[in-house]
Amino acid sequence: MICCMKRINMLLMGVAALLSVEAFAQQKFTAPKGLDIRIGYGVVPMQNIQESFSNELVPELADNNAIDLKKKGSGVFSASLNYQTKSRFGFGVDVLYGQTQSEFAYTNTSKSTVSSQWFTVMAKGSFMYYRDAFNVPNVELYGAAALGSSFREATGTVNNVEKSKSMSYFAYQFTPLGVRTGQKVAFWAELGYGYKGLLNAGVSIRL
């Protein structure tokens, strides 16, 4: 899974590079300046696919004799505040929340479950490739990158005693392609890689 995601990441970086080069070739560009508030939901975030995270639950929250592991996640809910300048560049902050669950199975057929809550904060920079893309009014194409921290609170039961463990991680999101369509109230969708997920979509309000 990790190898596949790395290949996808390389492909997305290539797409971003091509769009950036072509965008700079445009002679004149003025972006819609102002604040942009967004809420959305993302699927396949790093919290769900990076298997190495599971090792950190052992032995504090799970027996190290586990023979099987099943993981599932809620996806990621996001809230963002962005500021777009008149140039192609913008900046802002992403706040994310998600849940994951790991189920450990043992040779004696018993099972234990560890539940985690993830809270992530990242600073973000964006670059607008096109305004009125494809000659369609109010369709914007852009890319973005974000860096920050993700905080995890995991809770599990060991020997019939409930225990918890707090962890923190370096968080990131690389988004080579995003689209916003609409004026003050708009729909947006992003294709990316990282803690915000592989595919995100939601509603945007521009002030």
N, C-alpha and C. Protein backbone atom coordinates (compact mmCIF):
# COMPACT_ATOMS: atom_id res chain seq x y z
N MET A 1 0.82 -1.20 0.00
CA MET A 1 0.00 0.00 0.00
C MET A 1 0.86 1.26 0.00
N ILE A 2 1.90 1.27 0.87
CA ILE A 2 2.78 2.43 0.94
C ILE A 2 3.51 2.66 -0.38
N CYS A 3 3.96 1.55 -1.01
CA CYS A 3 4.66 1.65 -2.29
C CYS A 3 3.75 2.24 -3.36
N CYS A 4 2.50 1.79 -3.37
CA CYS A 4 1.53 2.30 -4.34
C CYS A 4 1.28 3.79 -4.13
N MET A 5 1.18 4.21 -2.87
CA MET A 5 0.93 5.61 -2.58
C MET A 5 2.12 6.48 -2.98
N LYS A 6 3.33 5.94 -2.85
CA LYS A 6 4.51 6.70 -3.28
C LYS A 6 4.49 6.93 -4.78
N ARG A 7 4.06 5.94 -5.54
CA ARG A 7 3.96 6.10 -7.00
C ARG A 7 2.91 7.14 -7.35
N ILE A 8 1.79 7.11 -6.64
CA ILE A 8 0.74 8.10 -6.87
C ILE A 8 1.27 9.50 -6.56
N ASN A 9 2.04 9.60 -5.47
CA ASN A 9 2.61 10.90 -5.09
C ASN A 9 3.53 11.45 -6.16
N MET A 10 4.37 10.58 -6.76
CA MET A 10 5.28 11.01 -7.82
C MET A 10 4.50 11.48 -9.04
N LEU A 11 3.42 10.79 -9.36
CA LEU A 11 2.58 11.18 -10.49
C LEU A 11 1.94 12.54 -10.24
N LEU A 12 1.45 12.75 -9.02
CA LEU A 12 0.82 14.02 -8.69
C LEU A 12 1.82 15.17 -8.75
N MET A 13 3.05 14.93 -8.33
CA MET A 13 4.08 15.96 -8.40
C MET A 13 4.37 16.35 -9.85
N GLY A 14 4.36 15.36 -10.74
CA GLY A 14 4.56 15.65 -12.15
C GLY A 14 3.44 16.51 -12.73
N VAL A 15 2.20 16.20 -12.33
CA VAL A 15 1.05 16.99 -12.78
C VAL A 15 1.18 18.44 -12.30
N ALA A 16 1.56 18.61 -11.03
CA ALA A 16 1.70 19.96 -10.47
C ALA A 16 2.78 20.75 -11.21
N ALA A 17 3.89 20.10 -11.53
CA ALA A 17 4.98 20.79 -12.24
C ALA A 17 4.53 21.27 -13.61
N LEU A 18 3.81 20.42 -14.34
CA LEU A 18 3.33 20.80 -15.67
C LEU A 18 2.36 21.96 -15.61
N LEU A 19 1.44 21.92 -14.66
CA LEU A 19 0.45 22.99 -14.53
C LEU A 19 1.12 24.31 -14.14
N SER A 20 2.13 24.23 -13.28
CA SER A 20 2.83 25.45 -12.85
C SER A 20 3.56 26.12 -14.00
N VAL A 21 4.24 25.33 -14.81
CA VAL A 21 4.98 25.87 -15.95
C VAL A 21 4.04 26.56 -16.93
N GLU A 22 2.93 25.90 -17.23
CA GLU A 22 1.97 26.47 -18.19
C GLU A 22 1.31 27.72 -17.62
N ALA A 23 1.03 27.72 -16.30
CA ALA A 23 0.39 28.87 -15.68
C ALA A 23 1.28 30.10 -15.73
N PHE A 24 2.57 29.93 -15.50
CA PHE A 24 3.51 31.05 -15.54
C PHE A 24 3.65 31.64 -16.95
N ALA A 25 3.28 30.83 -17.94
CA ALA A 25 3.39 31.30 -19.32
C ALA A 25 2.31 32.32 -19.66
N GLN A 26 1.27 32.40 -18.84
CA GLN A 26 0.21 33.38 -19.10
C GLN A 26 0.74 34.79 -18.85
N GLN A 27 0.38 35.73 -19.72
CA GLN A 27 0.90 37.07 -19.63
C GLN A 27 0.28 37.89 -18.51
N LYS A 28 -1.02 37.74 -18.27
CA LYS A 28 -1.71 38.58 -17.32
C LYS A 28 -2.57 37.72 -16.40
N PHE A 29 -2.51 38.04 -15.09
CA PHE A 29 -3.28 37.25 -14.14
C PHE A 29 -3.60 38.09 -12.91
N THR A 30 -4.87 38.09 -12.50
CA THR A 30 -5.30 38.74 -11.26
C THR A 30 -6.24 37.79 -10.53
N ALA A 31 -5.88 37.40 -9.33
CA ALA A 31 -6.69 36.47 -8.55
C ALA A 31 -7.77 37.22 -7.78
N PRO A 32 -8.86 36.54 -7.42
CA PRO A 32 -9.90 37.16 -6.58
C PRO A 32 -9.44 37.25 -5.13
N LYS A 33 -8.99 38.43 -4.72
CA LYS A 33 -8.41 38.63 -3.40
C LYS A 33 -9.46 38.51 -2.30
N GLY A 34 -9.09 37.88 -1.16
CA GLY A 34 -10.00 37.84 -0.02
C GLY A 34 -9.89 36.57 0.79
N LEU A 35 -10.70 36.50 1.87
CA LEU A 35 -10.75 35.34 2.75
C LEU A 35 -11.66 34.27 2.19
N ASP A 36 -11.28 33.03 2.42
CA ASP A 36 -12.05 31.88 1.94
C ASP A 36 -12.18 30.89 3.09
N ILE A 37 -13.40 30.64 3.54
CA ILE A 37 -13.66 29.68 4.63
C ILE A 37 -14.20 28.40 4.02
N ARG A 38 -13.61 27.25 4.42
CA ARG A 38 -14.01 25.98 3.83
C ARG A 38 -14.26 24.91 4.89
N ILE A 39 -15.23 24.06 4.60
CA ILE A 39 -15.43 22.85 5.38
C ILE A 39 -15.50 21.69 4.39
N GLY A 40 -15.02 20.52 4.79
CA GLY A 40 -15.01 19.41 3.85
C GLY A 40 -14.73 18.08 4.51
N TYR A 41 -14.61 17.07 3.67
CA TYR A 41 -14.38 15.71 4.12
C TYR A 41 -13.41 15.03 3.16
N GLY A 42 -12.44 14.27 3.72
CA GLY A 42 -11.44 13.61 2.90
C GLY A 42 -11.38 12.12 3.17
N VAL A 43 -11.00 11.35 2.16
CA VAL A 43 -10.87 9.90 2.28
C VAL A 43 -9.44 9.47 2.03
N VAL A 44 -9.06 8.32 2.59
CA VAL A 44 -7.73 7.71 2.48
C VAL A 44 -6.64 8.67 2.96
N PRO A 45 -6.72 9.14 4.20
CA PRO A 45 -5.63 9.95 4.75
C PRO A 45 -4.48 9.07 5.22
N MET A 46 -3.34 9.67 5.47
CA MET A 46 -2.17 8.93 5.94
C MET A 46 -2.45 8.21 7.25
N GLN A 47 -3.31 8.76 8.09
CA GLN A 47 -3.63 8.13 9.36
C GLN A 47 -4.16 6.71 9.17
N ASN A 48 -4.82 6.47 8.04
CA ASN A 48 -5.44 5.17 7.80
C ASN A 48 -4.53 4.19 7.09
N ILE A 49 -3.51 4.68 6.39
CA ILE A 49 -2.76 3.77 5.52
C ILE A 49 -1.32 3.52 5.97
N GLN A 50 -0.81 4.32 6.89
CA GLN A 50 0.58 4.11 7.28
C GLN A 50 0.65 3.05 8.38
N GLU A 51 0.98 1.83 7.99
CA GLU A 51 0.91 0.70 8.89
C GLU A 51 1.87 0.81 10.07
N SER A 52 2.94 1.56 9.93
CA SER A 52 3.92 1.66 11.02
C SER A 52 3.33 2.27 12.27
N PHE A 53 2.23 3.04 12.13
CA PHE A 53 1.60 3.62 13.31
C PHE A 53 1.14 2.54 14.27
N SER A 54 0.71 1.38 13.75
CA SER A 54 0.16 0.34 14.59
C SER A 54 1.18 -0.21 15.57
N ASN A 55 2.45 -0.25 15.16
CA ASN A 55 3.49 -0.79 16.03
C ASN A 55 3.64 0.00 17.32
N GLU A 56 3.26 1.27 17.31
CA GLU A 56 3.42 2.11 18.48
C GLU A 56 2.38 1.81 19.55
N LEU A 57 1.36 1.00 19.21
CA LEU A 57 0.33 0.65 20.18
C LEU A 57 0.76 -0.54 21.05
N VAL A 58 1.82 -1.21 20.65
CA VAL A 58 2.31 -2.38 21.36
C VAL A 58 3.61 -2.01 22.09
N PRO A 59 3.80 -2.39 23.37
CA PRO A 59 2.89 -3.21 24.17
C PRO A 59 1.97 -2.40 25.08
N GLU A 60 2.04 -1.04 25.02
CA GLU A 60 1.27 -0.24 25.98
C GLU A 60 -0.24 -0.50 25.90
N LEU A 61 -0.78 -0.61 24.67
CA LEU A 61 -2.23 -0.71 24.52
C LEU A 61 -2.69 -2.03 23.91
N ALA A 62 -1.75 -2.92 23.60
CA ALA A 62 -2.11 -4.21 23.01
C ALA A 62 -1.00 -5.22 23.30
N ASP A 63 -1.38 -6.48 23.38
CA ASP A 63 -0.43 -7.56 23.65
C ASP A 63 0.46 -7.76 22.42
N ASN A 64 1.76 -7.93 22.63
CA ASN A 64 2.67 -8.11 21.49
C ASN A 64 2.61 -9.51 20.89
N ASN A 65 1.69 -10.35 21.38
CA ASN A 65 1.48 -11.68 20.81
C ASN A 65 0.38 -11.68 19.75
N ALA A 66 -0.05 -10.53 19.34
CA ALA A 66 -1.12 -10.45 18.34
C ALA A 66 -0.67 -11.09 17.03
N ILE A 67 -1.57 -11.86 16.41
CA ILE A 67 -1.25 -12.54 15.15
C ILE A 67 -1.95 -11.89 13.96
N ASP A 68 -2.87 -11.00 14.23
CA ASP A 68 -3.61 -10.38 13.13
C ASP A 68 -3.99 -8.97 13.54
N LEU A 69 -4.12 -8.11 12.56
CA LEU A 69 -4.47 -6.72 12.82
C LEU A 69 -5.40 -6.21 11.73
N LYS A 70 -6.51 -5.63 12.14
CA LYS A 70 -7.44 -5.02 11.20
C LYS A 70 -7.59 -3.56 11.58
N LYS A 71 -7.56 -2.70 10.56
CA LYS A 71 -7.66 -1.26 10.80
C LYS A 71 -8.80 -0.66 9.99
N LYS A 72 -9.43 0.33 10.57
CA LYS A 72 -10.43 1.10 9.83
C LYS A 72 -10.42 2.53 10.34
N GLY A 73 -10.91 3.43 9.49
CA GLY A 73 -10.89 4.84 9.86
C GLY A 73 -12.13 5.56 9.38
N SER A 74 -12.36 6.72 9.97
CA SER A 74 -13.55 7.51 9.67
C SER A 74 -13.36 8.42 8.47
N GLY A 75 -12.12 8.52 7.95
CA GLY A 75 -11.82 9.60 7.02
C GLY A 75 -11.49 10.85 7.81
N VAL A 76 -11.40 11.99 7.16
CA VAL A 76 -10.99 13.22 7.84
C VAL A 76 -11.98 14.35 7.57
N PHE A 77 -12.41 14.99 8.63
CA PHE A 77 -13.25 16.19 8.53
C PHE A 77 -12.33 17.41 8.64
N SER A 78 -12.53 18.38 7.77
CA SER A 78 -11.62 19.53 7.71
C SER A 78 -12.34 20.86 7.78
N ALA A 79 -11.65 21.83 8.39
CA ALA A 79 -12.08 23.23 8.37
C ALA A 79 -10.85 24.06 8.02
N SER A 80 -11.00 24.99 7.08
CA SER A 80 -9.85 25.75 6.58
C SER A 80 -10.17 27.23 6.50
N LEU A 81 -9.15 28.03 6.76
CA LEU A 81 -9.23 29.46 6.55
C LEU A 81 -8.09 29.85 5.62
N ASN A 82 -8.43 30.42 4.47
CA ASN A 82 -7.43 30.75 3.45
C ASN A 82 -7.52 32.23 3.08
N TYR A 83 -6.37 32.81 2.73
CA TYR A 83 -6.35 34.18 2.23
C TYR A 83 -5.67 34.18 0.87
N GLN A 84 -6.39 34.64 -0.13
CA GLN A 84 -5.87 34.71 -1.49
C GLN A 84 -5.43 36.14 -1.80
N THR A 85 -4.18 36.29 -2.23
CA THR A 85 -3.70 37.60 -2.65
C THR A 85 -4.11 37.85 -4.10
N LYS A 86 -3.81 39.05 -4.61
CA LYS A 86 -4.13 39.35 -6.01
C LYS A 86 -3.22 38.61 -6.98
N SER A 87 -2.08 38.16 -6.48
CA SER A 87 -1.19 37.36 -7.32
C SER A 87 -1.68 35.90 -7.27
N ARG A 88 -0.87 34.99 -7.74
CA ARG A 88 -1.26 33.59 -7.75
C ARG A 88 -1.17 32.93 -6.37
N PHE A 89 -0.51 33.59 -5.42
CA PHE A 89 -0.19 32.94 -4.15
C PHE A 89 -1.22 33.24 -3.06
N GLY A 90 -1.44 32.24 -2.21
CA GLY A 90 -2.32 32.39 -1.07
C GLY A 90 -1.74 31.62 0.11
N PHE A 91 -2.33 31.82 1.29
CA PHE A 91 -1.86 31.11 2.47
C PHE A 91 -3.02 30.93 3.44
N GLY A 92 -2.85 30.00 4.39
CA GLY A 92 -3.93 29.75 5.32
C GLY A 92 -3.59 28.66 6.31
N VAL A 93 -4.62 28.09 6.92
CA VAL A 93 -4.44 27.04 7.93
C VAL A 93 -5.54 25.99 7.76
N ASP A 94 -5.16 24.72 7.93
CA ASP A 94 -6.10 23.61 7.90
C ASP A 94 -6.19 22.99 9.29
N VAL A 95 -7.41 22.71 9.74
CA VAL A 95 -7.65 22.00 11.00
C VAL A 95 -8.42 20.72 10.66
N LEU A 96 -7.91 19.57 11.11
CA LEU A 96 -8.47 18.28 10.72
C LEU A 96 -8.82 17.44 11.93
N TYR A 97 -9.86 16.62 11.78
CA TYR A 97 -10.23 15.67 12.84
C TYR A 97 -10.64 14.34 12.21
N GLY A 98 -10.14 13.25 12.79
CA GLY A 98 -10.50 11.93 12.29
C GLY A 98 -10.34 10.88 13.37
N GLN A 99 -10.86 9.69 13.11
CA GLN A 99 -10.76 8.58 14.04
C GLN A 99 -10.27 7.33 13.32
N THR A 100 -9.49 6.52 14.02
CA THR A 100 -9.08 5.21 13.51
C THR A 100 -9.30 4.18 14.60
N GLN A 101 -9.41 2.91 14.15
CA GLN A 101 -9.61 1.81 15.09
C GLN A 101 -8.78 0.62 14.66
N SER A 102 -8.03 0.05 15.58
CA SER A 102 -7.20 -1.12 15.31
C SER A 102 -7.70 -2.29 16.15
N GLU A 103 -7.96 -3.41 15.49
CA GLU A 103 -8.44 -4.61 16.19
C GLU A 103 -7.36 -5.69 16.15
N PHE A 104 -6.89 -6.10 17.30
CA PHE A 104 -5.84 -7.11 17.41
C PHE A 104 -6.47 -8.46 17.72
N ALA A 105 -6.04 -9.51 17.01
CA ALA A 105 -6.51 -10.88 17.27
C ALA A 105 -5.35 -11.72 17.78
N TYR A 106 -5.66 -12.68 18.67
CA TYR A 106 -4.62 -13.49 19.31
C TYR A 106 -4.86 -14.98 19.06
N THR A 107 -3.83 -15.78 19.37
CA THR A 107 -3.90 -17.23 19.13
C THR A 107 -4.99 -17.90 19.95
N ASN A 108 -5.35 -17.34 21.09
CA ASN A 108 -6.40 -17.94 21.92
C ASN A 108 -7.80 -17.47 21.52
N THR A 109 -7.91 -16.87 20.31
CA THR A 109 -9.16 -16.39 19.70
C THR A 109 -9.69 -15.11 20.37
N SER A 110 -9.01 -14.59 21.37
CA SER A 110 -9.46 -13.34 21.97
C SER A 110 -9.08 -12.16 21.08
N LYS A 111 -9.73 -11.03 21.33
CA LYS A 111 -9.47 -9.83 20.55
C LYS A 111 -9.39 -8.61 21.47
N SER A 112 -8.70 -7.59 21.02
CA SER A 112 -8.68 -6.32 21.73
C SER A 112 -8.76 -5.20 20.70
N THR A 113 -9.37 -4.09 21.08
CA THR A 113 -9.58 -2.97 20.15
C THR A 113 -8.97 -1.70 20.73
N VAL A 114 -8.23 -1.00 19.88
CA VAL A 114 -7.66 0.29 20.26
C VAL A 114 -8.29 1.37 19.39
N SER A 115 -8.86 2.38 20.02
CA SER A 115 -9.50 3.48 19.29
C SER A 115 -8.65 4.73 19.42
N SER A 116 -8.50 5.45 18.32
CA SER A 116 -7.66 6.65 18.30
C SER A 116 -8.43 7.83 17.75
N GLN A 117 -8.17 8.99 18.32
CA GLN A 117 -8.67 10.26 17.80
C GLN A 117 -7.49 11.08 17.34
N TRP A 118 -7.62 11.68 16.15
CA TRP A 118 -6.54 12.47 15.54
C TRP A 118 -6.98 13.93 15.39
N PHE A 119 -6.14 14.83 15.87
CA PHE A 119 -6.38 16.26 15.70
C PHE A 119 -5.14 16.86 15.04
N THR A 120 -5.33 17.47 13.88
CA THR A 120 -4.19 17.94 13.07
C THR A 120 -4.33 19.41 12.74
N VAL A 121 -3.24 20.15 12.85
CA VAL A 121 -3.19 21.57 12.47
C VAL A 121 -2.01 21.78 11.52
N MET A 122 -2.27 22.40 10.36
CA MET A 122 -1.21 22.62 9.37
C MET A 122 -1.30 24.02 8.77
N ALA A 123 -0.15 24.65 8.59
CA ALA A 123 -0.07 25.90 7.84
C ALA A 123 0.04 25.56 6.36
N LYS A 124 -0.61 26.36 5.52
CA LYS A 124 -0.74 26.01 4.10
C LYS A 124 -0.39 27.17 3.18
N GLY A 125 0.25 26.84 2.07
CA GLY A 125 0.48 27.79 0.99
C GLY A 125 -0.16 27.27 -0.28
N SER A 126 -0.70 28.16 -1.10
CA SER A 126 -1.37 27.74 -2.33
C SER A 126 -0.90 28.55 -3.53
N PHE A 127 -1.12 27.99 -4.70
CA PHE A 127 -0.73 28.62 -5.95
C PHE A 127 -1.85 28.41 -6.97
N MET A 128 -2.42 29.49 -7.49
CA MET A 128 -3.53 29.39 -8.43
C MET A 128 -3.00 29.25 -9.86
N TYR A 129 -3.31 28.14 -10.51
CA TYR A 129 -2.88 27.92 -11.89
C TYR A 129 -3.70 28.77 -12.86
N TYR A 130 -5.04 28.69 -12.71
CA TYR A 130 -5.93 29.36 -13.65
C TYR A 130 -7.13 29.93 -12.93
N ARG A 131 -7.58 31.09 -13.41
CA ARG A 131 -8.87 31.64 -13.04
C ARG A 131 -9.74 31.60 -14.29
N ASP A 132 -11.00 31.24 -14.16
CA ASP A 132 -11.88 31.01 -15.32
C ASP A 132 -11.27 29.94 -16.22
N ALA A 133 -10.91 28.81 -15.62
CA ALA A 133 -10.29 27.71 -16.36
C ALA A 133 -11.22 27.17 -17.43
N PHE A 134 -10.63 26.73 -18.52
CA PHE A 134 -11.38 26.19 -19.67
C PHE A 134 -12.36 27.21 -20.23
N ASN A 135 -12.05 28.52 -20.00
CA ASN A 135 -12.92 29.62 -20.45
C ASN A 135 -14.30 29.56 -19.82
N VAL A 136 -14.38 28.95 -18.64
CA VAL A 136 -15.64 28.89 -17.88
C VAL A 136 -15.53 29.85 -16.70
N PRO A 137 -16.43 30.83 -16.58
CA PRO A 137 -16.34 31.79 -15.47
C PRO A 137 -16.43 31.11 -14.11
N ASN A 138 -15.64 31.64 -13.15
CA ASN A 138 -15.68 31.21 -11.75
C ASN A 138 -15.23 29.76 -11.54
N VAL A 139 -14.38 29.26 -12.42
CA VAL A 139 -13.76 27.95 -12.21
C VAL A 139 -12.27 28.18 -12.02
N GLU A 140 -11.78 27.85 -10.82
CA GLU A 140 -10.37 28.08 -10.49
C GLU A 140 -9.66 26.74 -10.31
N LEU A 141 -8.46 26.65 -10.86
CA LEU A 141 -7.60 25.49 -10.66
C LEU A 141 -6.37 25.93 -9.86
N TYR A 142 -5.98 25.14 -8.87
CA TYR A 142 -4.89 25.54 -7.99
C TYR A 142 -4.17 24.32 -7.43
N GLY A 143 -3.04 24.57 -6.81
CA GLY A 143 -2.29 23.55 -6.08
C GLY A 143 -1.96 24.09 -4.70
N ALA A 144 -1.58 23.20 -3.77
CA ALA A 144 -1.28 23.65 -2.41
C ALA A 144 -0.36 22.65 -1.72
N ALA A 145 0.30 23.13 -0.67
CA ALA A 145 1.12 22.27 0.19
C ALA A 145 0.97 22.76 1.63
N ALA A 146 0.93 21.81 2.57
CA ALA A 146 0.72 22.17 3.98
C ALA A 146 1.65 21.35 4.87
N LEU A 147 2.09 21.98 5.98
CA LEU A 147 2.94 21.32 6.96
C LEU A 147 2.45 21.66 8.35
N GLY A 148 2.58 20.70 9.29
CA GLY A 148 2.14 20.97 10.65
C GLY A 148 2.35 19.78 11.55
N SER A 149 1.47 19.63 12.53
CA SER A 149 1.56 18.55 13.51
C SER A 149 0.22 17.86 13.65
N SER A 150 0.29 16.54 13.90
CA SER A 150 -0.91 15.75 14.15
C SER A 150 -0.78 15.12 15.53
N PHE A 151 -1.83 15.23 16.33
CA PHE A 151 -1.83 14.74 17.70
C PHE A 151 -2.82 13.58 17.83
N ARG A 152 -2.35 12.49 18.39
CA ARG A 152 -3.15 11.27 18.46
C ARG A 152 -3.37 10.85 19.91
N GLU A 153 -4.62 10.57 20.27
CA GLU A 153 -4.95 10.05 21.58
C GLU A 153 -5.55 8.67 21.39
N ALA A 154 -4.80 7.63 21.80
CA ALA A 154 -5.23 6.24 21.61
C ALA A 154 -5.65 5.63 22.95
N THR A 155 -6.74 4.87 22.93
CA THR A 155 -7.26 4.22 24.13
C THR A 155 -7.50 2.75 23.86
N GLY A 156 -7.04 1.88 24.75
CA GLY A 156 -7.23 0.44 24.59
C GLY A 156 -7.31 -0.24 25.94
N THR A 157 -7.59 -1.54 25.93
CA THR A 157 -7.70 -2.33 27.16
C THR A 157 -6.63 -3.40 27.18
N VAL A 158 -5.80 -3.39 28.22
CA VAL A 158 -4.74 -4.38 28.39
C VAL A 158 -4.95 -5.07 29.74
N ASN A 159 -5.14 -6.41 29.71
CA ASN A 159 -5.39 -7.19 30.94
C ASN A 159 -6.56 -6.62 31.73
N ASN A 160 -7.63 -6.30 30.97
CA ASN A 160 -8.88 -5.79 31.55
C ASN A 160 -8.72 -4.41 32.19
N VAL A 161 -7.64 -3.72 31.87
CA VAL A 161 -7.42 -2.37 32.38
C VAL A 161 -7.35 -1.40 31.20
N GLU A 162 -8.19 -0.38 31.22
CA GLU A 162 -8.20 0.60 30.13
C GLU A 162 -7.02 1.55 30.28
N LYS A 163 -6.28 1.71 29.20
CA LYS A 163 -5.12 2.59 29.21
C LYS A 163 -5.17 3.51 28.00
N SER A 164 -4.41 4.59 28.06
CA SER A 164 -4.37 5.54 26.94
C SER A 164 -2.93 5.95 26.68
N LYS A 165 -2.71 6.42 25.46
CA LYS A 165 -1.37 6.85 25.06
C LYS A 165 -1.50 8.04 24.11
N SER A 166 -0.71 9.07 24.36
CA SER A 166 -0.71 10.26 23.51
C SER A 166 0.53 10.26 22.63
N MET A 167 0.35 10.60 21.35
CA MET A 167 1.45 10.63 20.40
C MET A 167 1.31 11.85 19.50
N SER A 168 2.41 12.27 18.91
CA SER A 168 2.37 13.37 17.95
C SER A 168 3.23 13.02 16.75
N TYR A 169 2.87 13.57 15.59
CA TYR A 169 3.54 13.25 14.33
C TYR A 169 3.73 14.50 13.50
N PHE A 170 4.71 14.46 12.65
CA PHE A 170 4.89 15.50 11.63
C PHE A 170 3.81 15.29 10.57
N ALA A 171 3.00 16.31 10.33
CA ALA A 171 1.88 16.20 9.39
C ALA A 171 2.15 17.00 8.13
N TYR A 172 1.62 16.53 7.02
CA TYR A 172 1.83 17.20 5.73
C TYR A 172 0.68 16.87 4.79
N GLN A 173 0.54 17.68 3.78
CA GLN A 173 -0.42 17.43 2.70
C GLN A 173 0.11 18.09 1.44
N PHE A 174 0.22 17.29 0.38
CA PHE A 174 0.62 17.81 -0.93
C PHE A 174 -0.58 17.69 -1.86
N THR A 175 -1.04 18.82 -2.38
CA THR A 175 -2.23 18.87 -3.23
C THR A 175 -1.86 19.49 -4.57
N PRO A 176 -1.54 18.68 -5.58
CA PRO A 176 -1.15 19.23 -6.87
C PRO A 176 -2.31 19.75 -7.70
N LEU A 177 -3.53 19.30 -7.38
CA LEU A 177 -4.67 19.71 -8.19
C LEU A 177 -5.91 19.92 -7.33
N GLY A 178 -6.42 21.14 -7.37
CA GLY A 178 -7.67 21.47 -6.69
C GLY A 178 -8.53 22.31 -7.61
N VAL A 179 -9.84 22.25 -7.41
CA VAL A 179 -10.76 23.04 -8.22
C VAL A 179 -11.81 23.68 -7.32
N ARG A 180 -12.10 24.93 -7.58
CA ARG A 180 -13.18 25.65 -6.89
C ARG A 180 -14.10 26.21 -7.96
N THR A 181 -15.38 25.92 -7.86
CA THR A 181 -16.33 26.39 -8.87
C THR A 181 -17.50 27.09 -8.20
N GLY A 182 -17.66 28.36 -8.51
CA GLY A 182 -18.70 29.18 -7.91
C GLY A 182 -18.16 30.55 -7.56
N GLN A 183 -19.03 31.43 -7.06
CA GLN A 183 -18.61 32.78 -6.69
C GLN A 183 -18.41 32.87 -5.18
N LYS A 184 -19.29 33.53 -4.45
CA LYS A 184 -19.11 33.62 -3.00
C LYS A 184 -19.31 32.27 -2.31
N VAL A 185 -20.35 31.56 -2.70
CA VAL A 185 -20.57 30.21 -2.19
C VAL A 185 -20.24 29.24 -3.31
N ALA A 186 -19.34 28.30 -3.04
CA ALA A 186 -18.83 27.45 -4.11
C ALA A 186 -18.58 26.02 -3.63
N PHE A 187 -18.42 25.14 -4.59
CA PHE A 187 -18.01 23.75 -4.32
C PHE A 187 -16.53 23.64 -4.63
N TRP A 188 -15.80 22.84 -3.82
CA TRP A 188 -14.39 22.62 -4.09
C TRP A 188 -14.06 21.13 -3.95
N ALA A 189 -13.03 20.72 -4.67
CA ALA A 189 -12.54 19.34 -4.59
C ALA A 189 -11.04 19.35 -4.82
N GLU A 190 -10.33 18.43 -4.14
CA GLU A 190 -8.87 18.38 -4.24
C GLU A 190 -8.39 16.94 -4.36
N LEU A 191 -7.33 16.77 -5.13
CA LEU A 191 -6.64 15.50 -5.25
C LEU A 191 -5.26 15.67 -4.66
N GLY A 192 -4.92 14.87 -3.64
CA GLY A 192 -3.66 15.08 -2.96
C GLY A 192 -3.16 13.85 -2.24
N TYR A 193 -2.17 14.08 -1.36
CA TYR A 193 -1.53 12.98 -0.65
C TYR A 193 -1.07 13.48 0.71
N GLY A 194 -1.50 12.83 1.79
CA GLY A 194 -1.07 13.23 3.11
C GLY A 194 -2.17 13.08 4.15
N TYR A 195 -2.10 13.92 5.18
CA TYR A 195 -2.99 13.79 6.33
C TYR A 195 -4.42 14.28 6.05
N LYS A 196 -4.61 15.01 4.98
CA LYS A 196 -5.94 15.49 4.62
C LYS A 196 -6.67 14.49 3.72
N GLY A 197 -5.90 13.56 3.13
CA GLY A 197 -6.51 12.51 2.34
C GLY A 197 -6.18 12.57 0.86
N LEU A 198 -6.52 11.48 0.20
CA LEU A 198 -6.27 11.36 -1.24
C LEU A 198 -7.26 12.19 -2.05
N LEU A 199 -8.50 12.25 -1.59
CA LEU A 199 -9.55 13.00 -2.27
C LEU A 199 -10.37 13.76 -1.24
N ASN A 200 -10.52 15.06 -1.44
CA ASN A 200 -11.26 15.93 -0.54
C ASN A 200 -12.32 16.71 -1.31
N ALA A 201 -13.41 17.04 -0.65
CA ALA A 201 -14.43 17.86 -1.28
C ALA A 201 -15.23 18.56 -0.18
N GLY A 202 -15.85 19.69 -0.55
CA GLY A 202 -16.64 20.41 0.44
C GLY A 202 -17.21 21.70 -0.11
N VAL A 203 -17.55 22.60 0.82
CA VAL A 203 -18.19 23.87 0.50
C VAL A 203 -17.26 25.01 0.89
N SER A 204 -17.23 26.05 0.07
CA SER A 204 -16.39 27.22 0.29
C SER A 204 -17.25 28.49 0.33
N ILE A 205 -16.91 29.38 1.27
CA ILE A 205 -17.56 30.69 1.34
C ILE A 205 -16.48 31.76 1.28
N ARG A 206 -16.53 32.60 0.26
CA ARG A 206 -15.54 33.66 0.08
C ARG A 206 -16.08 34.98 0.58
N LEU A 207 -15.34 35.61 1.49
CA LEU A 207 -15.79 36.87 2.09
C LEU A 207 -15.22 38.08 1.37
